[in-house]
Protein backbone atom coordinates (compact mmCIF):
# COMPACT_ATOMS: atom_id res chain seq x y z
CA MET A 1 13.23 39.68 12.10
CA ARG A 2 16.76 37.94 12.58
CA LEU A 3 18.07 37.79 15.97
CA CYS A 4 21.77 37.82 17.08
CA ARG A 5 23.95 37.78 20.12
CA PHE A 6 26.45 40.72 20.50
CA GLN A 7 28.87 42.28 22.85
CA HIS A 8 28.53 45.98 23.49
CA ALA A 9 29.64 48.30 26.42
CA GLY A 10 31.07 45.45 28.06
CA ALA A 11 27.89 43.32 28.13
CA ASP A 12 26.55 40.29 26.15
CA GLN A 13 23.30 41.19 24.78
CA ALA A 14 20.54 39.77 22.46
CA GLY A 15 19.29 41.69 19.57
CA PHE A 16 17.47 42.12 16.23
CA TYR A 17 19.75 41.80 13.46
CA ASN A 18 20.18 44.01 10.38
CA ASP A 19 23.04 43.75 7.77
CA ASP A 20 24.53 46.88 9.00
CA SER A 21 23.21 47.24 12.64
CA VAL A 22 21.69 45.74 15.58
CA ILE A 23 18.83 46.81 17.92
CA PRO A 24 19.37 45.80 21.55
CA LEU A 25 16.36 43.59 22.49
CA SER A 26 16.28 44.98 26.06
CA GLN A 27 15.85 48.56 25.02
CA ALA A 28 13.10 47.80 22.46
CA ALA A 29 11.18 45.70 25.01
CA ALA A 30 11.48 48.55 27.62
CA ALA A 31 10.13 51.14 25.08
CA HIS A 32 6.97 48.86 24.51
CA GLY A 33 6.58 47.32 28.09
CA VAL A 34 7.32 43.76 26.82
CA GLU A 35 8.70 41.62 29.49
CA LEU A 36 11.81 39.50 28.29
CA PRO A 37 14.27 37.76 30.26
CA GLU A 38 17.47 39.52 30.94
CA SER A 39 19.77 37.34 29.06
CA ASP A 40 21.74 36.91 25.77
CA CYS A 41 20.48 33.35 25.18
CA LEU A 42 18.25 33.25 21.98
CA LEU A 43 16.85 29.97 22.54
CA GLY A 44 13.79 31.37 24.46
CA LEU A 45 13.15 33.96 21.78
CA LEU A 46 12.92 31.54 18.92
CA PRO A 47 10.27 28.99 17.97
CA GLY A 48 9.89 26.53 20.68
CA GLY A 49 10.77 29.14 23.31
CA ALA A 50 8.75 30.54 26.12
CA SER A 51 9.28 34.17 24.91
CA ARG A 52 8.74 33.63 21.23
CA ASP A 53 5.15 35.30 21.15
CA ALA A 54 6.42 38.34 22.99
CA VAL A 55 9.38 38.76 20.58
CA THR A 56 7.02 38.53 17.61
CA LYS A 57 4.50 40.94 19.15
CA LEU A 58 7.43 43.51 19.89
CA GLN A 59 8.80 43.25 16.27
CA GLY A 60 5.49 43.88 14.89
CA GLU A 61 5.23 47.05 17.02
CA LEU A 62 8.46 48.60 16.25
CA THR A 63 8.22 51.71 14.17
CA ASP A 64 10.84 52.86 11.50
CA ASP A 65 11.68 55.72 13.74
CA GLU A 66 12.20 53.51 16.71
CA LYS A 67 14.38 51.10 14.79
CA SER A 68 16.60 53.99 13.60
CA SER A 69 16.91 55.56 16.96
CA LEU A 70 17.68 52.23 18.70
CA SER A 71 20.02 50.90 16.16
CA ILE A 72 23.67 50.60 16.95
CA PRO A 73 26.07 50.24 13.91
CA LEU A 74 27.81 46.76 13.51
CA ALA A 75 31.21 48.51 13.51
CA ASP A 76 30.45 49.54 17.07
CA VAL A 77 29.72 45.76 18.39
CA LYS A 78 31.28 42.47 18.42
CA LEU A 79 28.99 39.81 17.07
CA LEU A 80 28.97 36.53 18.90
CA VAL A 81 28.13 32.98 18.08
CA PRO A 82 24.49 32.56 18.10
CA VAL A 83 24.70 29.45 20.28
CA PRO A 84 27.89 29.53 22.52
CA SER A 85 27.68 26.16 24.09
CA PRO A 86 25.60 23.46 22.14
CA SER A 87 25.59 20.14 23.75
CA LYS A 88 26.21 18.71 20.21
CA LEU A 89 27.84 20.15 17.18
CA LEU A 90 26.70 17.83 14.43
CA LEU A 91 27.94 18.11 10.83
CA LEU A 92 27.33 16.24 7.72
CA ALA A 93 29.83 15.10 4.97
CA GLY A 94 28.72 14.52 1.40
CA ASN A 95 25.23 15.83 1.44
CA TYR A 96 25.51 17.47 -1.97
CA SER A 97 25.84 15.53 -5.10
CA LYS A 98 27.91 18.28 -6.78
CA HIS A 99 30.55 18.27 -3.88
CA ILE A 100 30.77 14.54 -4.06
CA GLU A 101 31.53 14.59 -7.65
CA GLU A 102 34.18 17.38 -7.73
CA GLY A 103 35.89 15.28 -5.31
CA GLY A 104 36.00 12.30 -7.91
CA GLY A 105 33.03 10.38 -6.34
CA LYS A 106 29.73 9.45 -7.41
CA ALA A 107 26.64 10.37 -5.31
CA SER A 108 24.23 7.74 -4.53
CA GLU A 109 20.50 8.09 -4.61
CA ARG A 110 18.90 8.99 -1.18
CA GLU A 111 17.12 5.68 -1.07
CA GLN A 112 20.36 3.75 -1.41
CA THR A 113 22.36 5.33 1.26
CA PHE A 114 22.16 7.41 4.78
CA PRO A 115 23.45 10.75 5.96
CA TYR A 116 27.01 10.67 7.11
CA VAL A 117 27.22 12.46 10.46
CA PHE A 118 30.33 13.54 12.37
CA MET A 119 30.99 15.96 15.35
CA LYS A 120 33.34 18.73 16.14
CA PRO A 121 34.30 19.97 19.71
CA PRO A 122 32.11 23.11 20.05
CA GLN A 123 34.17 24.73 22.90
CA THR A 124 37.37 25.07 20.68
CA THR A 125 36.06 25.14 17.19
CA LEU A 126 33.22 27.63 17.31
CA THR A 127 34.33 30.95 16.29
CA HIS A 128 32.64 34.33 16.44
CA PRO A 129 31.98 36.40 13.31
CA GLY A 130 34.87 38.59 12.70
CA ASP A 131 37.28 36.39 14.70
CA PRO A 132 40.22 34.57 12.83
CA VAL A 133 40.38 31.12 11.45
CA ARG A 134 43.90 30.26 12.68
CA ILE A 135 45.91 28.14 10.15
CA PRO A 136 47.45 25.24 12.37
CA GLU A 137 51.19 25.08 12.68
CA VAL A 138 51.03 21.40 12.71
CA SER A 139 49.54 21.28 9.20
CA PRO A 140 49.35 24.55 7.42
CA ASP A 141 49.21 23.96 3.86
CA HIS A 142 45.78 22.48 2.88
CA ILE A 143 43.22 24.56 4.84
CA ASP A 144 39.77 24.63 2.99
CA TRP A 145 36.42 26.30 3.36
CA GLU A 146 32.94 24.69 3.29
CA LEU A 147 29.87 26.91 3.48
CA GLU A 148 26.65 25.08 5.05
CA LEU A 149 23.36 25.91 6.43
CA ALA A 150 23.13 25.30 10.15
CA VAL A 151 20.08 24.19 12.01
CA ILE A 152 19.42 24.97 15.59
CA ILE A 153 17.29 22.52 17.49
CA GLY A 154 14.45 24.19 19.55
CA ARG A 155 12.74 21.47 21.32
CA GLU A 156 13.96 18.18 22.57
CA CYS A 157 13.21 15.36 20.27
CA LYS A 158 13.81 11.74 19.61
CA GLY A 159 12.33 9.50 16.94
CA VAL A 160 10.56 12.41 15.11
CA SER A 161 9.17 11.79 11.57
CA GLU A 162 10.40 13.77 8.48
CA ALA A 163 6.90 15.27 8.23
CA ASP A 164 7.12 16.66 11.74
CA ALA A 165 10.71 17.28 12.01
CA LEU A 166 10.81 21.20 11.01
CA ASN A 167 8.50 21.77 13.94
CA TYR A 168 11.38 20.84 16.17
CA VAL A 169 13.78 23.63 14.52
CA ALA A 170 14.27 27.05 16.18
CA GLY A 171 16.10 28.57 13.45
CA TYR A 172 18.87 28.73 10.73
CA THR A 173 22.14 30.08 10.79
CA VAL A 174 25.57 29.91 8.80
CA ILE A 175 28.58 27.67 9.42
CA ASN A 176 31.98 27.70 7.64
CA ASP A 177 33.24 24.03 8.21
CA ILE A 178 36.68 24.67 7.90
CA SER A 179 38.77 21.46 6.93
CA ASP A 180 42.42 20.46 6.76
CA ARG A 181 42.39 18.36 3.63
CA LYS A 182 45.75 16.50 4.26
CA PHE A 183 46.26 16.29 7.85
CA LYS A 184 48.63 13.52 8.42
CA PRO A 185 49.73 12.81 12.22
CA ASN A 186 53.02 10.90 12.49
CA PRO A 187 54.05 10.99 8.64
CA GLY A 188 56.49 7.94 9.13
CA ARG A 189 53.69 5.95 10.71
CA GLU A 190 52.85 2.30 9.67
CA GLU A 191 49.82 2.71 7.79
CA ARG A 192 46.56 0.68 8.90
CA ASP A 193 43.17 0.37 7.13
CA LYS A 194 41.32 3.11 8.97
CA ASP A 195 44.20 5.66 8.82
CA GLY A 196 42.71 7.63 6.00
CA PHE A 197 39.30 8.13 7.63
CA PHE A 198 40.64 9.29 10.86
CA ASP A 199 43.01 11.72 9.27
CA TRP A 200 40.05 13.20 7.53
CA LEU A 201 38.13 13.42 10.71
CA HIS A 202 41.01 14.89 12.57
CA GLY A 203 41.57 17.46 10.03
CA LYS A 204 37.98 18.86 11.05
CA TRP A 205 38.93 19.42 14.64
CA HIS A 206 41.54 22.06 14.69
CA ASP A 207 40.78 25.13 16.97
CA THR A 208 38.66 27.92 15.43
CA PHE A 209 37.60 25.65 12.37
CA CYS A 210 33.90 26.32 12.92
CA PRO A 211 32.85 30.01 12.53
CA MET A 212 29.23 30.37 13.08
CA GLY A 213 26.85 33.38 12.69
CA PRO A 214 26.27 36.30 12.08
CA CYS A 215 22.62 35.69 13.28
CA VAL A 216 19.66 33.35 13.46
CA LEU A 217 16.73 33.36 10.97
CA PRO A 218 13.89 31.98 13.16
CA ALA A 219 12.22 28.95 11.70
CA ASP A 220 8.89 30.37 11.53
CA GLU A 221 10.16 33.03 9.10
CA GLN A 222 11.43 30.33 6.63
CA ALA A 223 8.84 27.91 5.86
CA ASP A 224 11.05 25.93 3.52
CA PRO A 225 14.89 25.70 4.22
CA GLN A 226 15.35 24.02 0.90
CA THR A 227 15.07 27.40 -1.08
CA LEU A 228 18.09 29.39 -0.04
CA ASP A 229 20.94 30.39 -2.22
CA VAL A 230 24.36 30.02 -0.71
CA LYS A 231 27.50 31.73 -1.85
CA LEU A 232 31.00 31.92 -0.48
CA CYS A 233 33.71 34.22 -1.37
CA VAL A 234 37.48 34.37 -0.59
CA ASN A 235 39.08 37.87 -0.89
CA GLY A 236 35.88 38.94 -2.99
CA GLU A 237 36.19 36.13 -5.49
CA VAL A 238 33.19 33.63 -5.65
CA GLU A 239 34.24 30.13 -4.94
CA GLN A 240 31.07 28.57 -3.97
CA ASP A 241 27.53 29.35 -5.57
CA GLY A 242 24.80 26.97 -5.15
CA SER A 243 21.38 26.35 -3.25
CA THR A 244 20.06 24.23 -0.35
CA ALA A 245 17.81 22.62 -2.82
CA GLU A 246 20.69 20.57 -3.83
CA MET A 247 20.76 18.65 -0.58
CA ILE A 248 20.43 14.86 -0.93
CA PHE A 249 19.06 14.64 2.59
CA PRO A 250 17.03 17.79 3.25
CA VAL A 251 16.82 19.23 6.66
CA ALA A 252 13.76 17.44 7.74
CA ALA A 253 15.22 14.28 6.57
CA VAL A 254 18.56 14.90 8.45
CA VAL A 255 16.67 15.73 11.92
CA GLU A 256 14.55 12.54 11.38
CA PHE A 257 17.83 10.35 10.83
CA ILE A 258 19.89 11.77 13.75
CA SER A 259 16.93 11.79 16.21
CA SER A 260 16.26 7.97 15.25
CA PHE A 261 19.37 7.18 17.49
CA ILE A 262 20.27 10.38 19.31
CA THR A 263 18.18 12.44 21.50
CA LEU A 264 18.53 16.03 20.21
CA MET A 265 18.31 18.90 22.77
CA PRO A 266 17.46 22.61 22.49
CA GLY A 267 20.40 24.44 21.32
CA ASP A 268 22.04 21.41 19.56
CA VAL A 269 23.38 22.60 16.17
CA ILE A 270 23.41 20.45 12.84
CA SER A 271 25.51 21.80 9.91
CA THR A 272 23.81 20.26 6.63
CA GLY A 273 26.74 19.84 4.35
CA THR A 274 28.36 21.95 1.52
CA THR A 275 27.86 22.31 -2.28
CA ALA A 276 30.73 22.28 -4.97
CA GLY A 277 33.49 24.85 -5.03
CA VAL A 278 35.74 23.82 -2.26
CA GLY A 279 39.40 24.66 -2.47
CA ALA A 280 40.49 20.95 -2.68
CA ALA A 281 38.84 20.58 -6.17
CA LYS A 282 40.97 23.45 -7.35
CA ASN A 283 44.21 22.99 -5.48
CA LYS A 284 43.44 26.38 -3.81
CA TYR A 285 43.83 26.71 -0.10
CA LEU A 286 43.56 29.38 2.54
CA LYS A 287 46.58 31.44 3.64
CA ALA A 288 47.20 34.25 6.19
CA GLY A 289 45.60 37.55 5.13
CA ASP A 290 42.52 36.01 3.40
CA LEU A 291 39.04 37.11 4.17
CA LEU A 292 36.29 34.45 4.11
CA GLU A 293 32.72 35.56 3.19
CA ALA A 294 29.97 32.98 3.76
CA GLN A 295 26.56 33.96 2.77
CA ILE A 296 23.05 32.28 2.87
CA GLU A 297 19.86 34.18 1.62
CA ASN A 298 17.72 35.69 4.18
CA ILE A 299 20.30 34.98 6.82
CA GLY A 300 23.35 37.10 6.10
CA VAL A 301 27.17 37.10 5.71
CA LEU A 302 29.55 35.35 7.96
CA ARG A 303 33.02 37.06 7.64
CA ASN A 304 36.22 35.77 9.15
CA PRO A 305 39.69 36.62 8.41
CA VAL A 306 42.40 34.08 8.15
CA GLU A 307 45.59 34.18 10.29
């Protein structure tokens, strides 16, 4: 069963997630005499966590009647980002050949290149499900979407092999890597060789530019993360429609690459790039009043309004 963080009756809690409701983990555990930590942190409940076996046992014991009686409608809770304070929020650029090609580039074969990895500041970019993506006043006209599969690391890892890398993954969630496509600080500036790269990079960093959620799919319930359909809609219109099978570097290869030079810690988040269908390829950008719906098979739909 999927897991989530949510706020209800003034308290942050962990719960089992359904598409229209949540089950407070504390109440389910109490009903079955299962001991779980009194915390909203999901890491201990996922593969690699100390309470994973207890959670697995509990979800197997819950009856349909218990699920119904304990459920709280999503409309009555506030969903929260699954990992509130990752030590690292890492993202990939250009990991789907179709996205590279729609931007006018040519995708390289995996053996001829390497993953392009960048970072976002987690404290100011991570945005709860249902909370708004805010269009920045400093550069409001070219704000774009990027639906991505995100990986949550469950165990400390450094120098892991691709063959072993998925054993260090706790779960999967949805990220929308919001991007300012034409951010250009100091427009009257004297141009330098690297200005274009830093304009692109800085355009990733605006506040609210990384919605995440609505829940976590435990890694031990998704043997192969390269088989998931992905779809993003704006105001109900499909803009992106693809599959994680399209990745140039699959999840395991990404974890191997990053861990070759960075120690990954429990709770670190890696977002693995986006497929074709971004707004920049259509000269179509976000505006106030839009509704973003980013969906990945077996995980759920991450919804965020635009203000």
